[in-house]
Every structure is written in C-alpha cells, then in structure tokens.
Amino acid sequence: RCSICHGSDLNGNVPFLPPYRTPPDLTTLARRHGGKFPDTYISNVLRNGVRIPAHGPAEMPVWATDFEATDKLDEAGVRLRIKMLTSYIKSLQVKR
C-alpha cells in the first residue's frame, strides 16, 4: 500500500497534483531526524494520518482505520501491523 504513493522503492518519486505534495522519501527518515529513526512519529502517522493545514484533504491516509475496516483487524492486529510497517520502513533507511 505504501508504494502507491511513495513508489516501489519508497523514495517518494511519485508526482501528485495540487493540493497534494509529492510524498516524502521514506528511505531518508533517519537522516532527516538527526540520524535516529523516528519510530514513534512513523507509528503515529500510520495510525492517525496527516492533514494539510487549513482544512485541506488528508495527505496521508489513516491506516489504522483502513486496517480495521478492510483487513478486519482488531486493535491488537492494528498495533502489530503498524509495528511491522514501521520496522520495514526502518530497515530501508539509506546510509549517507
């Protein structure tokens, strides 16, 4: 599901029309956060999504709700899925 917006290599090279912005490069999160992968931040974004300021559309879906509705996961399943996705994104961090 991530690759639809972030690309197959999660580097964010997928253009979007306004009001959306090009998705961020998920492989440089640690570098952009002082060399430490932001586990809690990523978990929160996956659980709660991200909105454009001033009442714009959601930039990042609320995956927790999608996992519950589409995949029929309970809260424990949602937590596990988010933990697994966070670990996967962390494993793809580039060293520069």
PDB file of N, CA and C in Angstrom:
ATOM      1  N   ARG A   1       0.809  -1.205   0.000  1.00  0.00           N
ATOM      2  CA  ARG A   1       0.000   0.000   0.000  1.00  0.00           C
ATOM      3  C   ARG A   1       0.845   1.259   0.000  1.00  0.00           C
ATOM      4  N   CYS A   2       2.014   1.186   0.569  1.00  0.00           N
ATOM      5  CA  CYS A   2       2.899   2.365   0.624  1.00  0.00           C
ATOM      6  C   CYS A   2       3.376   2.762  -0.764  1.00  0.00           C
ATOM      7  N   SER A   3       3.621   1.767  -1.610  1.00  0.00           N
ATOM      8  CA  SER A   3       4.234   2.037  -2.910  1.00  0.00           C
ATOM      9  C   SER A   3       3.335   2.841  -3.847  1.00  0.00           C
ATOM     10  N   ILE A   4       2.045   2.818  -3.625  1.00  0.00           N
ATOM     11  CA  ILE A   4       1.134   3.580  -4.479  1.00  0.00           C
ATOM     12  C   ILE A   4       1.505   5.060  -4.458  1.00  0.00           C
ATOM     13  N   CYS A   5       1.842   5.563  -3.291  1.00  0.00           N
ATOM     14  CA  CYS A   5       2.195   6.980  -3.163  1.00  0.00           C
ATOM     15  C   CYS A   5       3.698   7.220  -3.052  1.00  0.00           C
ATOM     16  N   HIS A   6       4.405   6.318  -2.389  1.00  0.00           N
ATOM     17  CA  HIS A   6       5.824   6.546  -2.113  1.00  0.00           C
ATOM     18  C   HIS A   6       6.743   5.876  -3.129  1.00  0.00           C
ATOM     19  N   GLY A   7       6.195   5.127  -4.075  1.00  0.00           N
ATOM     20  CA  GLY A   7       6.992   4.437  -5.074  1.00  0.00           C
ATOM     21  C   GLY A   7       7.439   3.066  -4.589  1.00  0.00           C
ATOM     22  N   SER A   8       7.822   2.212  -5.528  1.00  0.00           N
ATOM     23  CA  SER A   8       8.185   0.837  -5.177  1.00  0.00           C
ATOM     24  C   SER A   8       9.429   0.765  -4.301  1.00  0.00           C
ATOM     25  N   ASP A   9      10.290   1.787  -4.379  1.00  0.00           N
ATOM     26  CA  ASP A   9      11.473   1.808  -3.520  1.00  0.00           C
ATOM     27  C   ASP A   9      11.312   2.777  -2.350  1.00  0.00           C
ATOM     28  N   LEU A  10      10.103   3.297  -2.168  1.00  0.00           N
ATOM     29  CA  LEU A  10       9.710   4.204  -1.078  1.00  0.00           C
ATOM     30  C   LEU A  10      10.473   5.525  -1.068  1.00  0.00           C
ATOM     31  N   ASN A  11      11.031   5.909  -2.223  1.00  0.00           N
ATOM     32  CA  ASN A  11      11.788   7.158  -2.266  1.00  0.00           C
ATOM     33  C   ASN A  11      10.941   8.382  -2.618  1.00  0.00           C
ATOM     34  N   GLY A  12       9.645   8.210  -2.800  1.00  0.00           N
ATOM     35  CA  GLY A  12       8.752   9.352  -2.999  1.00  0.00           C
ATOM     36  C   GLY A  12       8.789   9.994  -4.363  1.00  0.00           C
ATOM     37  N   ASN A  13       9.329   9.338  -5.342  1.00  0.00           N
ATOM     38  CA  ASN A  13       9.401   9.921  -6.693  1.00  0.00           C
ATOM     39  C   ASN A  13       8.117   9.671  -7.472  1.00  0.00           C
ATOM     40  N   VAL A  14       7.000  10.013  -6.860  1.00  0.00           N
ATOM     41  CA  VAL A  14       5.695   9.833  -7.488  1.00  0.00           C
ATOM     42  C   VAL A  14       4.996  11.194  -7.474  1.00  0.00           C
ATOM     43  N   PRO A  15       4.795  11.835  -8.629  1.00  0.00           N
ATOM     44  CA  PRO A  15       4.189  13.168  -8.642  1.00  0.00           C
ATOM     45  C   PRO A  15       2.693  13.128  -8.316  1.00  0.00           C
ATOM     46  N   PHE A  16       2.237  14.194  -7.689  1.00  0.00           N
ATOM     47  CA  PHE A  16       0.832  14.346  -7.349  1.00  0.00           C
ATOM     48  C   PHE A  16       0.365  15.728  -7.760  1.00  0.00           C
ATOM     49  N   LEU A  17      -0.890  15.846  -8.084  1.00  0.00           N
ATOM     50  CA  LEU A  17      -1.480  17.128  -8.439  1.00  0.00           C
ATOM     51  C   LEU A  17      -1.864  17.897  -7.180  1.00  0.00           C
ATOM     52  N   PRO A  18      -1.881  19.243  -7.244  1.00  0.00           N
ATOM     53  CA  PRO A  18      -2.314  20.047  -6.104  1.00  0.00           C
ATOM     54  C   PRO A  18      -3.750  19.687  -5.721  1.00  0.00           C
ATOM     55  N   PRO A  19      -4.090  19.728  -4.457  1.00  0.00           N
ATOM     56  CA  PRO A  19      -3.349  20.328  -3.348  1.00  0.00           C
ATOM     57  C   PRO A  19      -2.345  19.374  -2.698  1.00  0.00           C
ATOM     58  N   TYR A  20      -2.184  18.185  -3.241  1.00  0.00           N
ATOM     59  CA  TYR A  20      -1.248  17.230  -2.653  1.00  0.00           C
ATOM     60  C   TYR A  20       0.188  17.570  -3.008  1.00  0.00           C
ATOM     61  N   ARG A  21       1.094  17.159  -2.142  1.00  0.00           N
ATOM     62  CA  ARG A  21       2.520  17.345  -2.391  1.00  0.00           C
ATOM     63  C   ARG A  21       3.127  15.998  -2.753  1.00  0.00           C
ATOM     64  N   THR A  22       4.295  16.019  -3.383  1.00  0.00           N
ATOM     65  CA  THR A  22       4.998  14.775  -3.660  1.00  0.00           C
ATOM     66  C   THR A  22       5.306  14.112  -2.325  1.00  0.00           C
ATOM     67  N   PRO A  23       4.987  12.839  -2.176  1.00  0.00           N
ATOM     68  CA  PRO A  23       5.234  12.147  -0.904  1.00  0.00           C
ATOM     69  C   PRO A  23       6.717  12.159  -0.538  1.00  0.00           C
ATOM     70  N   PRO A  24       7.014  12.165   0.759  1.00  0.00           N
ATOM     71  CA  PRO A  24       8.413  12.197   1.183  1.00  0.00           C
ATOM     72  C   PRO A  24       9.132  10.880   0.902  1.00  0.00           C
ATOM     73  N   ASP A  25      10.441  10.983   0.837  1.00  0.00           N
ATOM     74  CA  ASP A  25      11.314   9.829   0.683  1.00  0.00           C
ATOM     75  C   ASP A  25      11.383   9.115   2.029  1.00  0.00           C
ATOM     76  N   LEU A  26      10.805   7.938   2.116  1.00  0.00           N
ATOM     77  CA  LEU A  26      10.783   7.201   3.383  1.00  0.00           C
ATOM     78  C   LEU A  26      12.114   6.538   3.701  1.00  0.00           C
ATOM     79  N   THR A  27      13.038   6.536   2.741  1.00  0.00           N
ATOM     80  CA  THR A  27      14.337   5.901   2.982  1.00  0.00           C
ATOM     81  C   THR A  27      15.332   6.851   3.657  1.00  0.00           C
ATOM     82  N   THR A  28      14.945   8.110   3.840  1.00  0.00           N
ATOM     83  CA  THR A  28      15.850   9.080   4.457  1.00  0.00           C
ATOM     84  C   THR A  28      15.304   9.640   5.769  1.00  0.00           C
ATOM     85  N   LEU A  29      14.349   8.964   6.357  1.00  0.00           N
ATOM     86  CA  LEU A  29      13.739   9.451   7.595  1.00  0.00           C
ATOM     87  C   LEU A  29      14.763   9.581   8.719  1.00  0.00           C
ATOM     88  N   ALA A  30      15.615   8.578   8.899  1.00  0.00           N
ATOM     89  CA  ALA A  30      16.615   8.634   9.972  1.00  0.00           C
ATOM     90  C   ALA A  30      17.556   9.810   9.756  1.00  0.00           C
ATOM     91  N   ARG A  31      18.035   9.970   8.539  1.00  0.00           N
ATOM     92  CA  ARG A  31      18.950  11.071   8.229  1.00  0.00           C
ATOM     93  C   ARG A  31      18.296  12.412   8.521  1.00  0.00           C
ATOM     94  N   ARG A  32      17.032  12.535   8.157  1.00  0.00           N
ATOM     95  CA  ARG A  32      16.325  13.807   8.359  1.00  0.00           C
ATOM     96  C   ARG A  32      15.940  14.054   9.813  1.00  0.00           C
ATOM     97  N   HIS A  33      16.123  13.040  10.658  1.00  0.00           N
ATOM     98  CA  HIS A  33      15.827  13.180  12.093  1.00  0.00           C
ATOM     99  C   HIS A  33      17.099  12.983  12.923  1.00  0.00           C
ATOM    100  N   GLY A  34      18.177  13.596  12.450  1.00  0.00           N
ATOM    101  CA  GLY A  34      19.415  13.595  13.208  1.00  0.00           C
ATOM    102  C   GLY A  34      20.097  12.245  13.333  1.00  0.00           C
ATOM    103  N   GLY A  35      19.855  11.341  12.391  1.00  0.00           N
ATOM    104  CA  GLY A  35      20.492  10.032  12.411  1.00  0.00           C
ATOM    105  C   GLY A  35      19.746   8.977  13.199  1.00  0.00           C
ATOM    106  N   LYS A  36      18.609   9.338  13.794  1.00  0.00           N
ATOM    107  CA  LYS A  36      17.814   8.385  14.580  1.00  0.00           C
ATOM    108  C   LYS A  36      16.461   8.183  13.901  1.00  0.00           C
ATOM    109  N   PHE A  37      16.126   6.933  13.652  1.00  0.00           N
ATOM    110  CA  PHE A  37      14.835   6.656  13.022  1.00  0.00           C
ATOM    111  C   PHE A  37      13.704   7.039  13.973  1.00  0.00           C
ATOM    112  N   PRO A  38      12.711   7.806  13.498  1.00  0.00           N
ATOM    113  CA  PRO A  38      11.618   8.295  14.350  1.00  0.00           C
ATOM    114  C   PRO A  38      10.479   7.276  14.490  1.00  0.00           C
ATOM    115  N   ASP A  39      10.735   6.191  15.206  1.00  0.00           N
ATOM    116  CA  ASP A  39       9.746   5.109  15.348  1.00  0.00           C
ATOM    117  C   ASP A  39       8.374   5.614  15.795  1.00  0.00           C
ATOM    118  N   THR A  40       8.347   6.393  16.858  1.00  0.00           N
ATOM    119  CA  THR A  40       7.067   6.862  17.410  1.00  0.00           C
ATOM    120  C   THR A  40       6.337   7.751  16.414  1.00  0.00           C
ATOM    121  N   TYR A  41       7.060   8.656  15.763  1.00  0.00           N
ATOM    122  CA  TYR A  41       6.449   9.534  14.770  1.00  0.00           C
ATOM    123  C   TYR A  41       5.818   8.720  13.640  1.00  0.00           C
ATOM    124  N   ILE A  42       6.556   7.740  13.100  1.00  0.00           N
ATOM    125  CA  ILE A  42       6.046   6.928  11.995  1.00  0.00           C
ATOM    126  C   ILE A  42       4.824   6.132  12.450  1.00  0.00           C
ATOM    127  N   SER A  43       4.875   5.557  13.628  1.00  0.00           N
ATOM    128  CA  SER A  43       3.719   4.813  14.150  1.00  0.00           C
ATOM    129  C   SER A  43       2.504   5.719  14.263  1.00  0.00           C
ATOM    130  N   ASN A  44       2.710   6.945  14.738  1.00  0.00           N
ATOM    131  CA  ASN A  44       1.597   7.892  14.865  1.00  0.00           C
ATOM    132  C   ASN A  44       1.037   8.299  13.507  1.00  0.00           C
ATOM    133  N   VAL A  45       1.905   8.504  12.523  1.00  0.00           N
ATOM    134  CA  VAL A  45       1.430   8.860  11.179  1.00  0.00           C
ATOM    135  C   VAL A  45       0.621   7.704  10.589  1.00  0.00           C
ATOM    136  N   LEU A  46       1.087   6.477  10.752  1.00  0.00           N
ATOM    137  CA  LEU A  46       0.342   5.329  10.235  1.00  0.00           C
ATOM    138  C   LEU A  46      -1.001   5.190  10.941  1.00  0.00           C
ATOM    139  N   ARG A  47      -1.034   5.449  12.224  1.00  0.00           N
ATOM    140  CA  ARG A  47      -2.279   5.314  12.984  1.00  0.00           C
ATOM    141  C   ARG A  47      -3.243   6.466  12.710  1.00  0.00           C
ATOM    142  N   ASN A  48      -2.738   7.690  12.608  1.00  0.00           N
ATOM    143  CA  ASN A  48      -3.609   8.867  12.575  1.00  0.00           C
ATOM    144  C   ASN A  48      -3.625   9.642  11.266  1.00  0.00           C
ATOM    145  N   GLY A  49      -2.714   9.324  10.343  1.00  0.00           N
ATOM    146  CA  GLY A  49      -2.647  10.062   9.088  1.00  0.00           C
ATOM    147  C   GLY A  49      -2.029  11.430   9.276  1.00  0.00           C
ATOM    148  N   VAL A  50      -2.040  12.222   8.199  1.00  0.00           N
ATOM    149  CA  VAL A  50      -1.502  13.587   8.204  1.00  0.00           C
ATOM    150  C   VAL A  50      -2.434  14.435   7.355  1.00  0.00           C
ATOM    151  N   ARG A  51      -2.722  15.647   7.830  1.00  0.00           N
ATOM    152  CA  ARG A  51      -3.598  16.553   7.077  1.00  0.00           C
ATOM    153  C   ARG A  51      -2.826  17.778   6.629  1.00  0.00           C
ATOM    154  N   ILE A  52      -3.241  18.310   5.479  1.00  0.00           N
ATOM    155  CA  ILE A  52      -2.727  19.600   5.035  1.00  0.00           C
ATOM    156  C   ILE A  52      -3.372  20.652   5.930  1.00  0.00           C
ATOM    157  N   PRO A  53      -2.625  21.657   6.382  1.00  0.00           N
ATOM    158  CA  PRO A  53      -3.228  22.713   7.201  1.00  0.00           C
ATOM    159  C   PRO A  53      -4.381  23.425   6.482  1.00  0.00           C
ATOM    160  N   ALA A  54      -5.185  24.100   7.241  1.00  0.00           N
ATOM    161  CA  ALA A  54      -6.294  24.914   6.743  1.00  0.00           C
ATOM    162  C   ALA A  54      -7.345  24.076   6.025  1.00  0.00           C
ATOM    163  N   HIS A  55      -7.721  22.981   6.640  1.00  0.00           N
ATOM    164  CA  HIS A  55      -8.868  22.181   6.190  1.00  0.00           C
ATOM    165  C   HIS A  55      -8.686  21.520   4.835  1.00  0.00           C
ATOM    166  N   GLY A  56      -7.479  21.292   4.423  1.00  0.00           N
ATOM    167  CA  GLY A  56      -7.244  20.606   3.156  1.00  0.00           C
ATOM    168  C   GLY A  56      -7.505  19.115   3.305  1.00  0.00           C
ATOM    169  N   PRO A  57      -7.394  18.389   2.216  1.00  0.00           N
ATOM    170  CA  PRO A  57      -7.621  16.946   2.262  1.00  0.00           C
ATOM    171  C   PRO A  57      -6.486  16.235   2.994  1.00  0.00           C
ATOM    172  N   ALA A  58      -6.758  15.028   3.443  1.00  0.00           N
ATOM    173  CA  ALA A  58      -5.725  14.245   4.118  1.00  0.00           C
ATOM    174  C   ALA A  58      -4.589  13.963   3.150  1.00  0.00           C
ATOM    175  N   GLU A  59      -3.351  14.167   3.601  1.00  0.00           N
ATOM    176  CA  GLU A  59      -2.194  13.849   2.779  1.00  0.00           C
ATOM    177  C   GLU A  59      -1.797  12.399   2.960  1.00  0.00           C
ATOM    178  N   MET A  60      -1.991  11.877   4.140  1.00  0.00           N
ATOM    179  CA  MET A  60      -1.627  10.502   4.451  1.00  0.00           C
ATOM    180  C   MET A  60      -2.870   9.827   5.021  1.00  0.00           C
ATOM    181  N   PRO A  61      -3.265   8.709   4.449  1.00  0.00           N
ATOM    182  CA  PRO A  61      -4.461   8.032   4.960  1.00  0.00           C
ATOM    183  C   PRO A  61      -4.313   7.626   6.425  1.00  0.00           C
ATOM    184  N   VAL A  62      -5.435   7.447   7.068  1.00  0.00           N
ATOM    185  CA  VAL A  62      -5.464   6.917   8.432  1.00  0.00           C
ATOM    186  C   VAL A  62      -5.473   5.396   8.282  1.00  0.00           C
ATOM    187  N   TRP A  63      -4.278   4.809   8.302  1.00  0.00           N
ATOM    188  CA  TRP A  63      -4.168   3.388   8.019  1.00  0.00           C
ATOM    189  C   TRP A  63      -4.783   2.520   9.096  1.00  0.00           C
ATOM    190  N   ALA A  64      -4.791   2.963  10.340  1.00  0.00           N
ATOM    191  CA  ALA A  64      -5.381   2.142  11.402  1.00  0.00           C
ATOM    192  C   ALA A  64      -6.846   1.845  11.080  1.00  0.00           C
ATOM    193  N   THR A  65      -7.577   2.853  10.661  1.00  0.00           N
ATOM    194  CA  THR A  65      -8.986   2.671  10.309  1.00  0.00           C
ATOM    195  C   THR A  65      -9.128   1.754   9.098  1.00  0.00           C
ATOM    196  N   ASP A  66      -8.261   1.920   8.114  1.00  0.00           N
ATOM    197  CA  ASP A  66      -8.295   1.069   6.936  1.00  0.00           C
ATOM    198  C   ASP A  66      -7.995  -0.387   7.295  1.00  0.00           C
ATOM    199  N   PHE A  67      -7.012  -0.607   8.152  1.00  0.00           N
ATOM    200  CA  PHE A  67      -6.681  -1.975   8.566  1.00  0.00           C
ATOM    201  C   PHE A  67      -7.856  -2.622   9.293  1.00  0.00           C
ATOM    202  N   GLU A  68      -8.561  -1.841  10.098  1.00  0.00           N
ATOM    203  CA  GLU A  68      -9.735  -2.375  10.802  1.00  0.00           C
ATOM    204  C   GLU A  68     -10.855  -2.717   9.821  1.00  0.00           C
ATOM    205  N   ALA A  69     -11.161  -1.778   8.934  1.00  0.00           N
ATOM    206  CA  ALA A  69     -12.299  -1.953   8.031  1.00  0.00           C
ATOM    207  C   ALA A  69     -12.026  -2.943   6.905  1.00  0.00           C
ATOM    208  N   THR A  70     -10.906  -2.779   6.228  1.00  0.00           N
ATOM    209  CA  THR A  70     -10.617  -3.593   5.053  1.00  0.00           C
ATOM    210  C   THR A  70     -10.063  -4.963   5.408  1.00  0.00           C
ATOM    211  N   ASP A  71      -9.129  -4.975   6.352  1.00  0.00           N
ATOM    212  CA  ASP A  71      -8.465  -6.233   6.708  1.00  0.00           C
ATOM    213  C   ASP A  71      -9.093  -6.920   7.911  1.00  0.00           C
ATOM    214  N   LYS A  72     -10.118  -6.288   8.509  1.00  0.00           N
ATOM    215  CA  LYS A  72     -10.850  -6.861   9.655  1.00  0.00           C
ATOM    216  C   LYS A  72      -9.928  -7.149  10.837  1.00  0.00           C
ATOM    217  N   LEU A  73      -8.983  -6.240  11.081  1.00  0.00           N
ATOM    218  CA  LEU A  73      -8.065  -6.408  12.202  1.00  0.00           C
ATOM    219  C   LEU A  73      -8.652  -5.787  13.462  1.00  0.00           C
ATOM    220  N   ASP A  74      -8.423  -6.432  14.600  1.00  0.00           N
ATOM    221  CA  ASP A  74      -8.785  -5.824  15.875  1.00  0.00           C
ATOM    222  C   ASP A  74      -7.643  -4.908  16.299  1.00  0.00           C
ATOM    223  N   GLU A  75      -7.761  -4.273  17.450  1.00  0.00           N
ATOM    224  CA  GLU A  75      -6.743  -3.314  17.892  1.00  0.00           C
ATOM    225  C   GLU A  75      -5.367  -3.959  18.012  1.00  0.00           C
ATOM    226  N   ALA A  76      -5.301  -5.175  18.505  1.00  0.00           N
ATOM    227  CA  ALA A  76      -4.013  -5.866  18.618  1.00  0.00           C
ATOM    228  C   ALA A  76      -3.412  -6.100  17.225  1.00  0.00           C
ATOM    229  N   GLY A  77      -4.240  -6.466  16.269  1.00  0.00           N
ATOM    230  CA  GLY A  77      -3.784  -6.670  14.901  1.00  0.00           C
ATOM    231  C   GLY A  77      -3.305  -5.388  14.260  1.00  0.00           C
ATOM    232  N   VAL A  78      -4.013  -4.293  14.536  1.00  0.00           N
ATOM    233  CA  VAL A  78      -3.617  -2.979  14.008  1.00  0.00           C
ATOM    234  C   VAL A  78      -2.263  -2.586  14.585  1.00  0.00           C
ATOM    235  N   ARG A  79      -2.086  -2.749  15.905  1.00  0.00           N
ATOM    236  CA  ARG A  79      -0.804  -2.421  16.531  1.00  0.00           C
ATOM    237  C   ARG A  79       0.325  -3.237  15.921  1.00  0.00           C
ATOM    238  N   LEU A  80       0.086  -4.533  15.711  1.00  0.00           N
ATOM    239  CA  LEU A  80       1.111  -5.390  15.126  1.00  0.00           C
ATOM    240  C   LEU A  80       1.430  -4.961  13.694  1.00  0.00           C
ATOM    241  N   ARG A  81       0.406  -4.677  12.903  1.00  0.00           N
ATOM    242  CA  ARG A  81       0.627  -4.250  11.514  1.00  0.00           C
ATOM    243  C   ARG A  81       1.441  -2.962  11.470  1.00  0.00           C
ATOM    244  N   ILE A  82       1.090  -1.995  12.315  1.00  0.00           N
ATOM    245  CA  ILE A  82       1.818  -0.727  12.361  1.00  0.00           C
ATOM    246  C   ILE A  82       3.260  -0.960  12.810  1.00  0.00           C
ATOM    247  N   LYS A  83       3.463  -1.818  13.782  1.00  0.00           N
ATOM    248  CA  LYS A  83       4.817  -2.135  14.246  1.00  0.00           C
ATOM    249  C   LYS A  83       5.629  -2.779  13.121  1.00  0.00           C
ATOM    250  N   MET A  84       5.013  -3.687  12.375  1.00  0.00           N
ATOM    251  CA  MET A  84       5.703  -4.354  11.270  1.00  0.00           C
ATOM    252  C   MET A  84       6.042  -3.370  10.152  1.00  0.00           C
ATOM    253  N   LEU A  85       5.110  -2.487   9.810  1.00  0.00           N
ATOM    254  CA  LEU A  85       5.368  -1.484   8.768  1.00  0.00           C
ATOM    255  C   LEU A  85       6.465  -0.514   9.199  1.00  0.00           C
ATOM    256  N   THR A  86       6.427  -0.098  10.447  1.00  0.00           N
ATOM    257  CA  THR A  86       7.462   0.792  10.962  1.00  0.00           C
ATOM    258  C   THR A  86       8.822   0.120  10.883  1.00  0.00           C
ATOM    259  N   SER A  87       8.899  -1.145  11.265  1.00  0.00           N
ATOM    260  CA  SER A  87      10.166  -1.899  11.194  1.00  0.00           C
ATOM    261  C   SER A  87      10.632  -2.053   9.753  1.00  0.00           C
ATOM    262  N   TYR A  88       9.701  -2.288   8.847  1.00  0.00           N
ATOM    263  CA  TYR A  88      10.050  -2.429   7.431  1.00  0.00           C
ATOM    264  C   TYR A  88      10.640  -1.123   6.890  1.00  0.00           C
ATOM    265  N   ILE A  89       9.983  -0.005   7.165  1.00  0.00           N
ATOM    266  CA  ILE A  89      10.480   1.288   6.700  1.00  0.00           C
ATOM    267  C   ILE A  89      11.851   1.571   7.324  1.00  0.00           C
ATOM    268  N   LYS A  90      11.995   1.236   8.597  1.00  0.00           N
ATOM    269  CA  LYS A  90      13.280   1.424   9.279  1.00  0.00           C
ATOM    270  C   LYS A  90      14.379   0.613   8.604  1.00  0.00           C
ATOM    271  N   SER A  91      14.046  -0.578   8.137  1.00  0.00           N
ATOM    272  CA  SER A  91      15.050  -1.454   7.506  1.00  0.00           C
ATOM    273  C   SER A  91      15.528  -0.914   6.162  1.00  0.00           C
ATOM    274  N   LEU A  92      14.794  -0.002   5.560  1.00  0.00           N
ATOM    275  CA  LEU A  92      15.135   0.539   4.247  1.00  0.00           C
ATOM    276  C   LEU A  92      15.893   1.865   4.319  1.00  0.00           C
ATOM    277  N   GLN A  93      16.291   2.291   5.496  1.00  0.00           N
ATOM    278  CA  GLN A  93      16.984   3.566   5.627  1.00  0.00           C
ATOM    279  C   GLN A  93      18.352   3.512   4.943  1.00  0.00           C
ATOM    280  N   VAL A  94      18.631   4.536   4.158  1.00  0.00           N
ATOM    281  CA  VAL A  94      19.908   4.602   3.450  1.00  0.00           C
ATOM    282  C   VAL A  94      20.921   5.301   4.345  1.00  0.00           C
ATOM    283  N   LYS A  95      22.138   4.854   4.234  1.00  0.00           N
ATOM    284  CA  LYS A  95      23.226   5.474   4.999  1.00  0.00           C
ATOM    285  C   LYS A  95      23.936   6.457   4.073  1.00  0.00           C
ATOM    286  N   ARG A  96      23.876   7.732   4.394  1.00  0.00           N
ATOM    287  CA  ARG A  96      24.538   8.764   3.567  1.00  0.00           C
ATOM    288  C   ARG A  96      25.321   9.678   4.452  1.00  0.00           C
TER     289      ARG A  96
END
